[in-house]
Amino acid sequence: MYITDEDKKIIKNINIVEYAKSRNIKLLETTKNKAYKIIGEHLEGLYLYENSNGFYRFSTNEKGNIIDFVKLYDNCNYLEACEKLLKFSNCVAKKIILKISSLQKIIEK
């Protein structure tokens, strides 16, 4: 699989917190900076930041974007992380289309 510039734009716009929630990753919201601490997982000291759409892991000083987060969380490479994120974005798009379709049917009645 080849990651196009369009794919990169789609991935960049995926909200890291919403993605983590979709993976059933337990998050504890902190009181400042729209930060969420990952709890009960194998990534000790890792925080997701909604404002910057990135993460920081205090125990190792690792930081990065959503692709770096998926690589770290799933122990995968760049291409595999992009594939997972694109699959997620396609699922979200399908849900939005279904909601729009349902609303159109209600409006037409």
Protein backbone atom coordinates (compact mmCIF):
# COMPACT_ATOMS: atom_id res chain seq x y z
CA MET A 1 0.00 0.00 0.00
CA TYR A 2 1.16 3.51 -0.81
CA ILE A 3 0.18 6.47 1.40
CA THR A 4 -0.87 9.42 -0.76
CA ASP A 5 -0.82 13.10 0.19
CA GLU A 6 -4.62 12.92 0.46
CA ASP A 7 -4.30 9.97 2.88
CA LYS A 8 -1.87 12.00 4.98
CA LYS A 9 -4.36 14.89 5.15
CA ILE A 10 -7.12 12.53 6.26
CA ILE A 11 -4.91 10.99 8.93
CA LYS A 12 -3.76 14.40 10.19
CA ASN A 13 -7.40 15.36 10.81
CA ILE A 14 -8.24 12.30 12.94
CA ASN A 15 -8.72 13.33 16.57
CA ILE A 16 -6.25 11.34 18.68
CA VAL A 17 -8.59 11.23 21.70
CA GLU A 18 -11.58 10.05 19.66
CA TYR A 19 -9.39 7.42 18.03
CA ALA A 20 -8.22 6.16 21.43
CA LYS A 21 -11.80 6.05 22.70
CA SER A 22 -12.83 4.03 19.63
CA ARG A 23 -10.15 1.50 20.57
CA ASN A 24 -11.64 1.27 24.08
CA ILE A 25 -8.48 2.70 25.60
CA LYS A 26 -9.31 3.91 29.10
CA LEU A 27 -8.66 7.63 29.47
CA LEU A 28 -8.70 9.89 32.51
CA GLU A 29 -9.35 13.53 31.64
CA THR A 30 -7.04 15.95 33.44
CA THR A 31 -7.95 19.45 34.50
CA LYS A 32 -5.77 21.41 32.10
CA ASN A 33 -4.74 21.53 28.46
CA LYS A 34 -7.39 19.01 27.32
CA ALA A 35 -5.02 16.22 28.32
CA TYR A 36 -6.06 12.62 28.85
CA LYS A 37 -3.97 10.09 30.75
CA ILE A 38 -4.06 6.52 29.50
CA ILE A 39 -4.86 4.24 32.44
CA GLY A 40 -4.56 0.51 32.95
CA GLU A 41 -2.54 -0.07 29.79
CA HIS A 42 0.98 -1.06 28.85
CA LEU A 43 1.99 2.57 28.19
CA GLU A 44 2.72 3.99 31.61
CA GLY A 45 2.82 7.76 31.90
CA LEU A 46 1.35 8.45 28.46
CA TYR A 47 -0.90 11.46 27.94
CA LEU A 48 -2.94 12.38 24.87
CA TYR A 49 -3.38 16.07 24.11
CA GLU A 50 -6.50 17.00 22.20
CA ASN A 51 -5.41 20.60 21.49
CA SER A 52 -2.22 19.56 19.70
CA ASN A 53 -3.54 16.16 18.57
CA GLY A 54 -0.41 14.53 19.92
CA PHE A 55 0.95 12.59 22.87
CA TYR A 56 3.73 12.72 25.42
CA ARG A 57 5.02 9.81 27.51
CA PHE A 58 6.58 11.16 30.68
CA SER A 59 8.29 7.90 31.65
CA THR A 60 10.39 7.83 28.45
CA ASN A 61 10.14 11.42 27.07
CA GLU A 62 8.59 10.05 23.84
CA LYS A 63 6.25 12.36 21.97
CA GLY A 64 4.60 12.54 18.60
CA ASN A 65 1.49 12.73 16.46
CA ILE A 66 -1.34 10.25 15.94
CA ILE A 67 0.74 8.06 13.63
CA ASP A 68 3.54 7.87 16.20
CA PHE A 69 0.94 7.01 18.87
CA VAL A 70 -0.46 4.09 16.85
CA LYS A 71 3.06 2.86 16.09
CA LEU A 72 3.87 2.90 19.81
CA TYR A 73 0.55 1.54 21.08
CA ASP A 74 0.30 -1.29 18.54
CA ASN A 75 4.04 -1.87 18.12
CA CYS A 76 3.76 -1.53 14.35
CA ASN A 77 5.50 0.32 11.56
CA TYR A 78 4.54 3.55 9.78
CA LEU A 79 2.63 1.90 6.95
CA GLU A 80 0.65 -0.37 9.29
CA ALA A 81 -0.23 2.60 11.51
CA CYS A 82 -1.45 4.60 8.50
CA GLU A 83 -3.56 1.65 7.32
CA LYS A 84 -5.20 1.37 10.76
CA LEU A 85 -5.95 5.09 10.83
CA LEU A 86 -7.36 5.13 7.32
CA LYS A 87 -9.58 2.17 8.18
CA PHE A 88 -10.81 4.08 11.23
CA SER A 89 -11.52 7.20 9.15
CA ASN A 90 -13.50 5.10 6.64
CA CYS A 91 -15.64 3.68 9.46
CA VAL A 92 -16.32 7.18 10.79
CA ALA A 93 -17.23 8.41 7.30
CA LYS A 94 -19.66 5.51 6.82
CA LYS A 95 -21.37 6.31 10.14
CA ILE A 96 -21.74 9.96 9.12
CA ILE A 97 -23.22 8.97 5.76
CA LEU A 98 -25.71 6.66 7.48
CA LYS A 99 -26.75 9.45 9.86
CA ILE A 100 -27.20 11.89 6.98
CA SER A 101 -29.25 9.32 5.09
CA SER A 102 -31.46 8.74 8.12
CA LEU A 103 -31.98 12.47 8.59
CA GLN A 104 -32.89 12.90 4.92
CA LYS A 105 -35.54 10.18 5.26
CA ILE A 106 -37.00 11.97 8.30
CA ILE A 107 -37.05 15.29 6.46
CA GLU A 108 -38.74 13.74 3.43
CA LYS A 109 -41.64 12.41 5.54
